[in-house]
């Protein structure tokens, strides 16, 4: 069976120390492959489309959340699902991610995306229209900082030389980078620059169409040989997933599923009752899929 991850720590009902630690340890003991945390640095107040959550929802920053989860677990993989890459400084982010990777013993998975809420970019002071070009540059900058003996970069938005940015990640070249996004540009980024593609809220038909486009792009885009095969990670629509559905995703070419039972749990703030419901759904899923 495919590796199965679980999405949502550090958000809403799970946005406190107990929520992060309890769910991380439970996921590891139940046999889940990975835990994932999302990101919206700010929320639009009052909420207005396309902002996805009520404005007073608690959303912890994904990087310290994963560092904390790493300290409470020993084996489970730790994924950003996603970091909104163009909003971050690439040198600071390179050190933050490398630090989590070292502290966790090489368990980090770096999901990245460009976001879709213009108001978030306005608040942070990054032009929304540049987000795609910045993301491409930042991926290249991260890899340079993680890998090269003498990191050097000259781009449209970032330039550096004569520096070191250590520690280096546990794995040569750094943790796997998974590009998220449903646009052709996002999928092209995955093929050209990343170890994998991460599709969020994708049913079977949408996943089939995405993989077909990724296959087409593979014939059009130069992919560095050292990236190897493009790994496919998908979060299906919320709700119970059975073993037959997992097999159908696997038959399409998916390598990992990351499940989210109820997106509403990402709203609001820490809540022990909703945390208990979240854990119950996690345990039921592990039994249904025989993860143990």
C-alpha atoms as a PDB file:
ATOM      1  CA  UNK A   1       0.000   0.000   0.000  1.00  0.00           C
ATOM      2  CA  UNK A   2       1.067   3.599  -0.625  1.00  0.00           C
ATOM      3  CA  UNK A   3       2.666   5.559   2.214  1.00  0.00           C
ATOM      4  CA  UNK A   4      -0.085   7.529   3.959  1.00  0.00           C
ATOM      5  CA  UNK A   5       0.470  10.953   5.505  1.00  0.00           C
ATOM      6  CA  UNK A   6      -1.756  13.086   7.712  1.00  0.00           C
ATOM      7  CA  UNK A   7      -2.361  16.822   7.250  1.00  0.00           C
ATOM      8  CA  UNK A   8      -3.232  19.557   9.712  1.00  0.00           C
ATOM      9  CA  UNK A   9      -0.932  19.812  12.722  1.00  0.00           C
ATOM     10  CA  UNK A  10      -0.301  23.344  13.970  1.00  0.00           C
ATOM     11  CA  UNK A  11      -3.613  24.677  12.652  1.00  0.00           C
ATOM     12  CA  UNK A  12      -6.978  25.408  14.232  1.00  0.00           C
ATOM     13  CA  UNK A  13      -7.876  22.748  16.764  1.00  0.00           C
ATOM     14  CA  UNK A  14      -4.262  21.524  16.730  1.00  0.00           C
ATOM     15  CA  UNK A  15      -2.576  24.918  17.073  1.00  0.00           C
ATOM     16  CA  UNK A  16      -0.915  24.413  20.433  1.00  0.00           C
ATOM     17  CA  UNK A  17       1.893  22.357  21.941  1.00  0.00           C
ATOM     18  CA  UNK A  18      -0.398  19.534  23.041  1.00  0.00           C
ATOM     19  CA  UNK A  19      -2.102  19.354  19.669  1.00  0.00           C
ATOM     20  CA  UNK A  20       1.173  19.170  17.741  1.00  0.00           C
ATOM     21  CA  UNK A  21       2.846  16.664  20.053  1.00  0.00           C
ATOM     22  CA  UNK A  22      -0.180  14.422  20.597  1.00  0.00           C
ATOM     23  CA  UNK A  23      -1.054  14.125  16.924  1.00  0.00           C
ATOM     24  CA  UNK A  24       2.577  13.713  15.826  1.00  0.00           C
ATOM     25  CA  UNK A  25       3.176  10.880  18.298  1.00  0.00           C
ATOM     26  CA  UNK A  26      -0.157   9.243  17.469  1.00  0.00           C
ATOM     27  CA  UNK A  27       0.529   9.376  13.731  1.00  0.00           C
ATOM     28  CA  UNK A  28       3.927   7.749  14.241  1.00  0.00           C
ATOM     29  CA  UNK A  29       2.585   4.991  16.483  1.00  0.00           C
ATOM     30  CA  UNK A  30      -0.320   4.254  14.132  1.00  0.00           C
ATOM     31  CA  UNK A  31       1.953   3.708  11.128  1.00  0.00           C
ATOM     32  CA  UNK A  32       1.471   6.901   9.142  1.00  0.00           C
ATOM     33  CA  UNK A  33       4.330   7.811   6.820  1.00  0.00           C
ATOM     34  CA  UNK A  34       4.335  11.554   7.462  1.00  0.00           C
ATOM     35  CA  UNK A  35       2.659  14.549   9.082  1.00  0.00           C
ATOM     36  CA  UNK A  36       2.107  17.834   7.281  1.00  0.00           C
ATOM     37  CA  UNK A  37       1.502  21.462   8.224  1.00  0.00           C
ATOM     38  CA  UNK A  38       0.103  24.178   5.970  1.00  0.00           C
ATOM     39  CA  UNK A  39       0.758  27.910   5.802  1.00  0.00           C
ATOM     40  CA  UNK A  40      -0.996  31.223   5.512  1.00  0.00           C
ATOM     41  CA  UNK A  41       1.266  33.869   7.133  1.00  0.00           C
ATOM     42  CA  UNK A  42      -1.728  36.184   7.598  1.00  0.00           C
ATOM     43  CA  UNK A  43      -5.461  35.818   7.050  1.00  0.00           C
ATOM     44  CA  UNK A  44      -7.660  38.459   5.445  1.00  0.00           C
ATOM     45  CA  UNK A  45      -9.892  40.288   7.965  1.00  0.00           C
ATOM     46  CA  UNK A  46     -12.796  40.210   7.416  1.00  0.00           C
ATOM     47  CA  UNK A  47     -12.560  36.957   5.490  1.00  0.00           C
ATOM     48  CA  UNK A  48     -13.143  37.379   1.783  1.00  0.00           C
ATOM     49  CA  UNK A  49     -12.477  35.055  -1.172  1.00  0.00           C
ATOM     50  CA  UNK A  50     -10.042  33.595  -1.987  1.00  0.00           C
ATOM     51  CA  UNK A  51      -8.841  33.550   1.647  1.00  0.00           C
ATOM     52  CA  UNK A  52      -9.762  30.029   2.827  1.00  0.00           C
ATOM     53  CA  UNK A  53     -10.338  30.413   6.582  1.00  0.00           C
ATOM     54  CA  UNK A  54     -12.026  32.711   9.111  1.00  0.00           C
ATOM     55  CA  UNK A  55      -9.675  35.543   9.977  1.00  0.00           C
ATOM     56  CA  UNK A  56      -9.274  34.651  13.663  1.00  0.00           C
ATOM     57  CA  UNK A  57      -8.143  31.078  12.996  1.00  0.00           C
ATOM     58  CA  UNK A  58      -4.865  30.058  14.623  1.00  0.00           C
ATOM     59  CA  UNK A  59      -2.219  29.009  12.096  1.00  0.00           C
ATOM     60  CA  UNK A  60       1.226  28.301  13.512  1.00  0.00           C
ATOM     61  CA  UNK A  61       4.320  28.834  11.386  1.00  0.00           C
ATOM     62  CA  UNK A  62       5.192  25.495   9.750  1.00  0.00           C
ATOM     63  CA  UNK A  63       8.935  25.512  10.412  1.00  0.00           C
ATOM     64  CA  UNK A  64       8.947  25.697  14.240  1.00  0.00           C
ATOM     65  CA  UNK A  65       5.940  23.359  14.290  1.00  0.00           C
ATOM     66  CA  UNK A  66       7.968  20.704  12.472  1.00  0.00           C
ATOM     67  CA  UNK A  67      10.987  21.317  14.710  1.00  0.00           C
ATOM     68  CA  UNK A  68       8.744  20.719  17.734  1.00  0.00           C
ATOM     69  CA  UNK A  69       7.198  17.641  16.119  1.00  0.00           C
ATOM     70  CA  UNK A  70      10.678  16.324  15.370  1.00  0.00           C
ATOM     71  CA  UNK A  71      11.567  16.528  19.064  1.00  0.00           C
ATOM     72  CA  UNK A  72       8.514  14.483  20.053  1.00  0.00           C
ATOM     73  CA  UNK A  73       8.950  11.709  17.446  1.00  0.00           C
ATOM     74  CA  UNK A  74      11.738   9.553  16.062  1.00  0.00           C
ATOM     75  CA  UNK A  75      10.737   8.085  12.683  1.00  0.00           C
ATOM     76  CA  UNK A  76       7.812   9.841  10.994  1.00  0.00           C
ATOM     77  CA  UNK A  77       8.587  12.180   8.108  1.00  0.00           C
ATOM     78  CA  UNK A  78       7.814  15.894   8.477  1.00  0.00           C
ATOM     79  CA  UNK A  79       6.301  17.856   5.600  1.00  0.00           C
ATOM     80  CA  UNK A  80       5.504  21.472   4.836  1.00  0.00           C
ATOM     81  CA  UNK A  81       2.236  21.405   2.996  1.00  0.00           C
ATOM     82  CA  UNK A  82       3.129  24.057   1.959  1.00  0.00           C
ATOM     83  CA  UNK A  83       5.576  26.905   2.558  1.00  0.00           C
ATOM     84  CA  UNK A  84       4.536  29.881   0.416  1.00  0.00           C
ATOM     85  CA  UNK A  85       8.000  30.250  -1.021  1.00  0.00           C
ATOM     86  CA  UNK A  86       8.008  33.732  -2.621  1.00  0.00           C
ATOM     87  CA  UNK A  87       7.050  35.356   0.702  1.00  0.00           C
ATOM     88  CA  UNK A  88      10.242  34.056   2.366  1.00  0.00           C
ATOM     89  CA  UNK A  89      13.848  35.238   2.268  1.00  0.00           C
ATOM     90  CA  UNK A  90      15.734  32.363   0.617  1.00  0.00           C
ATOM     91  CA  UNK A  91      18.865  32.591   2.767  1.00  0.00           C
ATOM     92  CA  UNK A  92      16.962  32.650   6.043  1.00  0.00           C
ATOM     93  CA  UNK A  93      14.653  29.893   4.822  1.00  0.00           C
ATOM     94  CA  UNK A  94      17.611  27.748   3.723  1.00  0.00           C
ATOM     95  CA  UNK A  95      19.026  27.858   7.255  1.00  0.00           C
ATOM     96  CA  UNK A  96      15.634  27.254   8.903  1.00  0.00           C
ATOM     97  CA  UNK A  97      14.878  24.209   6.776  1.00  0.00           C
ATOM     98  CA  UNK A  98      18.392  22.805   7.084  1.00  0.00           C
ATOM     99  CA  UNK A  99      18.135  23.177  10.857  1.00  0.00           C
ATOM    100  CA  UNK A 100      14.892  21.181  10.988  1.00  0.00           C
ATOM    101  CA  UNK A 101      16.384  18.555   8.709  1.00  0.00           C
ATOM    102  CA  UNK A 102      19.453  18.184  10.948  1.00  0.00           C
ATOM    103  CA  UNK A 103      17.431  18.138  14.177  1.00  0.00           C
ATOM    104  CA  UNK A 104      15.072  15.503  12.756  1.00  0.00           C
ATOM    105  CA  UNK A 105      17.808  13.270  11.349  1.00  0.00           C
ATOM    106  CA  UNK A 106      16.902  13.918   7.713  1.00  0.00           C
ATOM    107  CA  UNK A 107      13.133  13.499   7.952  1.00  0.00           C
ATOM    108  CA  UNK A 108      12.079  16.784   6.321  1.00  0.00           C
ATOM    109  CA  UNK A 109       9.975  17.051   3.140  1.00  0.00           C
ATOM    110  CA  UNK A 110       9.742  20.585   1.736  1.00  0.00           C
ATOM    111  CA  UNK A 111       6.444  21.255   0.005  1.00  0.00           C
ATOM    112  CA  UNK A 112       6.448  24.679  -1.647  1.00  0.00           C
ATOM    113  CA  UNK A 113       3.912  26.768  -3.519  1.00  0.00           C
ATOM    114  CA  UNK A 114       3.238  30.332  -4.609  1.00  0.00           C
ATOM    115  CA  UNK A 115      -0.105  30.940  -2.894  1.00  0.00           C
ATOM    116  CA  UNK A 116      -3.249  32.445  -4.323  1.00  0.00           C
ATOM    117  CA  UNK A 117      -4.340  35.275  -1.985  1.00  0.00           C
ATOM    118  CA  UNK A 118      -3.187  38.705  -3.223  1.00  0.00           C
ATOM    119  CA  UNK A 119      -3.930  40.347   0.136  1.00  0.00           C
ATOM    120  CA  UNK A 120      -1.343  38.167   1.868  1.00  0.00           C
ATOM    121  CA  UNK A 121       1.314  39.405  -0.551  1.00  0.00           C
ATOM    122  CA  UNK A 122       0.205  43.013  -0.069  1.00  0.00           C
ATOM    123  CA  UNK A 123       0.569  42.690   3.710  1.00  0.00           C
ATOM    124  CA  UNK A 124       4.056  41.212   3.454  1.00  0.00           C
ATOM    125  CA  UNK A 125       5.217  43.639   0.771  1.00  0.00           C
ATOM    126  CA  UNK A 126       5.999  41.208  -2.046  1.00  0.00           C
ATOM    127  CA  UNK A 127       4.439  41.924  -5.473  1.00  0.00           C
ATOM    128  CA  UNK A 128       1.886  39.211  -6.224  1.00  0.00           C
ATOM    129  CA  UNK A 129       2.684  39.334  -9.943  1.00  0.00           C
ATOM    130  CA  UNK A 130       6.289  38.223  -9.336  1.00  0.00           C
ATOM    131  CA  UNK A 131       5.504  35.145  -7.270  1.00  0.00           C
ATOM    132  CA  UNK A 132       6.194  32.542  -9.965  1.00  0.00           C
ATOM    133  CA  UNK A 133       9.562  33.989 -10.980  1.00  0.00           C
ATOM    134  CA  UNK A 134      10.578  34.378  -7.338  1.00  0.00           C
ATOM    135  CA  UNK A 135       9.661  30.769  -6.587  1.00  0.00           C
ATOM    136  CA  UNK A 136      11.844  29.506  -9.425  1.00  0.00           C
ATOM    137  CA  UNK A 137      14.770  31.614  -8.203  1.00  0.00           C
ATOM    138  CA  UNK A 138      14.318  30.669  -4.562  1.00  0.00           C
ATOM    139  CA  UNK A 139      14.407  26.930  -5.376  1.00  0.00           C
ATOM    140  CA  UNK A 140      17.695  27.395  -7.209  1.00  0.00           C
ATOM    141  CA  UNK A 141      19.039  29.544  -4.366  1.00  0.00           C
ATOM    142  CA  UNK A 142      18.091  26.966  -1.722  1.00  0.00           C
ATOM    143  CA  UNK A 143      19.867  24.204  -3.596  1.00  0.00           C
ATOM    144  CA  UNK A 144      22.978  26.355  -4.044  1.00  0.00           C
ATOM    145  CA  UNK A 145      23.094  27.238  -0.344  1.00  0.00           C
ATOM    146  CA  UNK A 146      22.580  23.616   0.676  1.00  0.00           C
ATOM    147  CA  UNK A 147      25.039  22.053  -1.755  1.00  0.00           C
ATOM    148  CA  UNK A 148      27.799  24.276  -3.118  1.00  0.00           C
ATOM    149  CA  UNK A 149      31.144  24.667  -1.364  1.00  0.00           C
ATOM    150  CA  UNK A 150      31.161  28.337  -2.376  1.00  0.00           C
ATOM    151  CA  UNK A 151      27.507  29.381  -2.717  1.00  0.00           C
ATOM    152  CA  UNK A 152      26.999  31.990  -5.409  1.00  0.00           C
ATOM    153  CA  UNK A 153      23.808  33.219  -7.032  1.00  0.00           C
ATOM    154  CA  UNK A 154      22.903  36.029  -9.420  1.00  0.00           C
ATOM    155  CA  UNK A 155      19.197  36.371 -10.102  1.00  0.00           C
ATOM    156  CA  UNK A 156      16.480  38.917 -10.745  1.00  0.00           C
ATOM    157  CA  UNK A 157      15.439  39.089  -7.093  1.00  0.00           C
ATOM    158  CA  UNK A 158      18.409  37.708  -5.108  1.00  0.00           C
ATOM    159  CA  UNK A 159      22.169  37.810  -5.462  1.00  0.00           C
ATOM    160  CA  UNK A 160      24.866  36.570  -3.112  1.00  0.00           C
ATOM    161  CA  UNK A 161      28.459  35.374  -3.026  1.00  0.00           C
ATOM    162  CA  UNK A 162      31.273  35.171  -0.502  1.00  0.00           C
ATOM    163  CA  UNK A 163      29.044  33.584   2.161  1.00  0.00           C
ATOM    164  CA  UNK A 164      28.367  30.299   3.916  1.00  0.00           C
ATOM    165  CA  UNK A 165      24.948  29.198   5.211  1.00  0.00           C
ATOM    166  CA  UNK A 166      25.349  26.280   7.609  1.00  0.00           C
ATOM    167  CA  UNK A 167      24.517  23.749   8.924  1.00  0.00           C
ATOM    168  CA  UNK A 168      23.980  21.838   5.760  1.00  0.00           C
ATOM    169  CA  UNK A 169      21.016  19.473   5.646  1.00  0.00           C
ATOM    170  CA  UNK A 170      21.456  15.847   6.659  1.00  0.00           C
ATOM    171  CA  UNK A 171      21.122  14.631   3.081  1.00  0.00           C
ATOM    172  CA  UNK A 172      23.525  15.701   0.317  1.00  0.00           C
ATOM    173  CA  UNK A 173      21.837  18.439  -1.685  1.00  0.00           C
ATOM    174  CA  UNK A 174      19.134  18.979   0.907  1.00  0.00           C
ATOM    175  CA  UNK A 175      15.665  17.620   1.657  1.00  0.00           C
ATOM    176  CA  UNK A 176      13.304  16.730  -1.200  1.00  0.00           C
ATOM    177  CA  UNK A 177      11.412  19.720  -2.612  1.00  0.00           C
ATOM    178  CA  UNK A 178       7.844  19.122  -3.791  1.00  0.00           C
ATOM    179  CA  UNK A 179       6.239  21.850  -5.886  1.00  0.00           C
ATOM    180  CA  UNK A 180       2.526  22.289  -5.300  1.00  0.00           C
ATOM    181  CA  UNK A 181      -0.023  23.928  -7.547  1.00  0.00           C
ATOM    182  CA  UNK A 182      -2.685  23.151 -10.132  1.00  0.00           C
ATOM    183  CA  UNK A 183      -1.518  25.466 -12.915  1.00  0.00           C
ATOM    184  CA  UNK A 184       0.638  24.388 -15.840  1.00  0.00           C
ATOM    185  CA  UNK A 185       3.328  26.780 -14.593  1.00  0.00           C
ATOM    186  CA  UNK A 186       3.386  25.070 -11.182  1.00  0.00           C
ATOM    187  CA  UNK A 187       3.640  21.634 -12.755  1.00  0.00           C
ATOM    188  CA  UNK A 188       6.365  22.824 -15.104  1.00  0.00           C
ATOM    189  CA  UNK A 189       8.247  24.060 -12.002  1.00  0.00           C
ATOM    190  CA  UNK A 190       7.922  20.604 -10.455  1.00  0.00           C
ATOM    191  CA  UNK A 191       9.311  18.866 -13.530  1.00  0.00           C
ATOM    192  CA  UNK A 192      12.133  21.339 -14.120  1.00  0.00           C
ATOM    193  CA  UNK A 193      13.337  21.995 -10.571  1.00  0.00           C
ATOM    194  CA  UNK A 194      11.818  19.734  -7.945  1.00  0.00           C
ATOM    195  CA  UNK A 195      11.942  16.214  -6.579  1.00  0.00           C
ATOM    196  CA  UNK A 196       8.170  15.896  -6.638  1.00  0.00           C
ATOM    197  CA  UNK A 197       4.746  17.428  -7.232  1.00  0.00           C
ATOM    198  CA  UNK A 198       2.120  17.829  -4.507  1.00  0.00           C
ATOM    199  CA  UNK A 199      -1.534  18.102  -5.523  1.00  0.00           C
ATOM    200  CA  UNK A 200      -3.937  19.328  -2.826  1.00  0.00           C
ATOM    201  CA  UNK A 201      -7.643  18.388  -2.790  1.00  0.00           C
ATOM    202  CA  UNK A 202      -7.368  16.259  -5.918  1.00  0.00           C
ATOM    203  CA  UNK A 203      -9.937  13.567  -6.639  1.00  0.00           C
ATOM    204  CA  UNK A 204      -9.140  10.649  -8.924  1.00  0.00           C
ATOM    205  CA  UNK A 205     -10.144  12.437 -12.121  1.00  0.00           C
ATOM    206  CA  UNK A 206      -8.160  15.566 -11.265  1.00  0.00           C
ATOM    207  CA  UNK A 207      -5.167  13.445 -10.302  1.00  0.00           C
ATOM    208  CA  UNK A 208      -5.306  11.555 -13.591  1.00  0.00           C
ATOM    209  CA  UNK A 209      -5.394  14.835 -15.529  1.00  0.00           C
ATOM    210  CA  UNK A 210      -2.507  16.255 -13.487  1.00  0.00           C
ATOM    211  CA  UNK A 211      -0.300  13.222 -14.053  1.00  0.00           C
ATOM    212  CA  UNK A 212      -1.074  13.282 -17.757  1.00  0.00           C
ATOM    213  CA  UNK A 213       0.046  16.915 -17.913  1.00  0.00           C
ATOM    214  CA  UNK A 214       3.167  16.172 -15.856  1.00  0.00           C
ATOM    215  CA  UNK A 215       4.013  13.364 -18.279  1.00  0.00           C
ATOM    216  CA  UNK A 216       3.535  15.714 -21.219  1.00  0.00           C
ATOM    217  CA  UNK A 217       5.704  18.381 -19.616  1.00  0.00           C
ATOM    218  CA  UNK A 218       8.419  15.803 -18.970  1.00  0.00           C
ATOM    219  CA  UNK A 219       8.781  15.563 -22.732  1.00  0.00           C
ATOM    220  CA  UNK A 220       9.102  19.339 -23.093  1.00  0.00           C
ATOM    221  CA  UNK A 221      11.179  20.414 -20.085  1.00  0.00           C
ATOM    222  CA  UNK A 222      14.814  19.657 -19.338  1.00  0.00           C
ATOM    223  CA  UNK A 223      14.928  17.857 -15.986  1.00  0.00           C
ATOM    224  CA  UNK A 224      18.293  17.530 -14.218  1.00  0.00           C
ATOM    225  CA  UNK A 225      19.302  13.885 -14.063  1.00  0.00           C
ATOM    226  CA  UNK A 226      20.204  14.102 -10.378  1.00  0.00           C
ATOM    227  CA  UNK A 227      16.571  14.817  -9.492  1.00  0.00           C
ATOM    228  CA  UNK A 228      15.578  11.338 -10.609  1.00  0.00           C
ATOM    229  CA  UNK A 229      11.969  10.330 -11.104  1.00  0.00           C
ATOM    230  CA  UNK A 230       9.279  12.895 -10.203  1.00  0.00           C
ATOM    231  CA  UNK A 231       7.507  11.732  -7.038  1.00  0.00           C
ATOM    232  CA  UNK A 232       3.742  12.329  -6.869  1.00  0.00           C
ATOM    233  CA  UNK A 233       2.062  13.240  -3.564  1.00  0.00           C
ATOM    234  CA  UNK A 234      -1.681  13.905  -3.426  1.00  0.00           C
ATOM    235  CA  UNK A 235      -4.176  15.033  -0.800  1.00  0.00           C
ATOM    236  CA  UNK A 236      -7.630  13.743  -1.785  1.00  0.00           C
ATOM    237  CA  UNK A 237     -10.790  15.643  -0.951  1.00  0.00           C
ATOM    238  CA  UNK A 238     -11.690  15.525   2.760  1.00  0.00           C
ATOM    239  CA  UNK A 239     -13.460  12.432   3.992  1.00  0.00           C
ATOM    240  CA  UNK A 240     -12.849   8.743   4.662  1.00  0.00           C
ATOM    241  CA  UNK A 241     -10.565   6.919   2.222  1.00  0.00           C
ATOM    242  CA  UNK A 242     -10.655   3.132   1.924  1.00  0.00           C
ATOM    243  CA  UNK A 243      -8.055   0.660   0.678  1.00  0.00           C
ATOM    244  CA  UNK A 244      -9.673   0.383  -2.748  1.00  0.00           C
ATOM    245  CA  UNK A 245      -9.435   4.154  -3.235  1.00  0.00           C
ATOM    246  CA  UNK A 246      -5.776   4.080  -2.187  1.00  0.00           C
ATOM    247  CA  UNK A 247      -5.120   1.388  -4.800  1.00  0.00           C
ATOM    248  CA  UNK A 248      -6.832   3.458  -7.474  1.00  0.00           C
ATOM    249  CA  UNK A 249      -4.563   6.415  -6.719  1.00  0.00           C
ATOM    250  CA  UNK A 250      -1.573   4.078  -6.789  1.00  0.00           C
ATOM    251  CA  UNK A 251      -2.649   2.722 -10.175  1.00  0.00           C
ATOM    252  CA  UNK A 252      -2.597   6.291 -11.519  1.00  0.00           C
ATOM    253  CA  UNK A 253       1.051   6.664 -10.483  1.00  0.00           C
ATOM    254  CA  UNK A 254       0.700   8.379  -7.080  1.00  0.00           C
ATOM    255  CA  UNK A 255       3.541   7.688  -4.623  1.00  0.00           C
ATOM    256  CA  UNK A 256       2.037   9.063  -1.391  1.00  0.00           C
ATOM    257  CA  UNK A 257      -1.377  10.141  -0.110  1.00  0.00           C
ATOM    258  CA  UNK A 258      -1.718  12.833   2.564  1.00  0.00           C
ATOM    259  CA  UNK A 259      -5.170  12.676   4.119  1.00  0.00           C
ATOM    260  CA  UNK A 260      -7.203  15.448   5.728  1.00  0.00           C
ATOM    261  CA  UNK A 261     -10.457  14.303   7.340  1.00  0.00           C
ATOM    262  CA  UNK A 262     -12.244  17.630   7.888  1.00  0.00           C
ATOM    263  CA  UNK A 263     -10.869  20.926   6.615  1.00  0.00           C
ATOM    264  CA  UNK A 264     -13.028  22.694   9.199  1.00  0.00           C
ATOM    265  CA  UNK A 265     -10.606  21.486  11.879  1.00  0.00           C
ATOM    266  CA  UNK A 266      -8.104  23.958  10.451  1.00  0.00           C
ATOM    267  CA  UNK A 267     -10.356  26.878  11.477  1.00  0.00           C
ATOM    268  CA  UNK A 268     -10.704  28.463  14.906  1.00  0.00           C
ATOM    269  CA  UNK A 269      -8.279  27.850  17.730  1.00  0.00           C
ATOM    270  CA  UNK A 270      -7.019  25.046  19.975  1.00  0.00           C
ATOM    271  CA  UNK A 271      -9.833  22.849  21.201  1.00  0.00           C
ATOM    272  CA  UNK A 272      -9.471  19.606  23.153  1.00  0.00           C
ATOM    273  CA  UNK A 273     -12.823  18.200  21.965  1.00  0.00           C
ATOM    274  CA  UNK A 274     -12.027  18.760  18.300  1.00  0.00           C
ATOM    275  CA  UNK A 275      -8.517  17.444  18.891  1.00  0.00           C
ATOM    276  CA  UNK A 276     -10.066  14.262  20.280  1.00  0.00           C
ATOM    277  CA  UNK A 277     -12.297  13.977  17.203  1.00  0.00           C
ATOM    278  CA  UNK A 278      -9.257  14.458  14.970  1.00  0.00           C
ATOM    279  CA  UNK A 279      -7.402  11.675  16.792  1.00  0.00           C
ATOM    280  CA  UNK A 280     -10.417   9.366  16.590  1.00  0.00           C
ATOM    281  CA  UNK A 281     -10.597   9.885  12.825  1.00  0.00           C
ATOM    282  CA  UNK A 282      -6.870   9.229  12.526  1.00  0.00           C
ATOM    283  CA  UNK A 283      -7.178   5.949  14.464  1.00  0.00           C
ATOM    284  CA  UNK A 284     -10.194   4.862  12.411  1.00  0.00           C
ATOM    285  CA  UNK A 285      -8.273   5.584   9.185  1.00  0.00           C
ATOM    286  CA  UNK A 286      -5.253   3.570  10.384  1.00  0.00           C
ATOM    287  CA  UNK A 287      -7.520   0.611  11.159  1.00  0.00           C
ATOM    288  CA  UNK A 288      -9.426   0.905   7.881  1.00  0.00           C
ATOM    289  CA  UNK A 289      -6.184   0.926   5.876  1.00  0.00           C
ATOM    290  CA  UNK A 290      -4.410  -1.568   8.149  1.00  0.00           C
ATOM    291  CA  UNK A 291      -1.402   0.711   8.586  1.00  0.00           C
ATOM    292  CA  UNK A 292      -0.116  -1.071  11.663  1.00  0.00           C
END
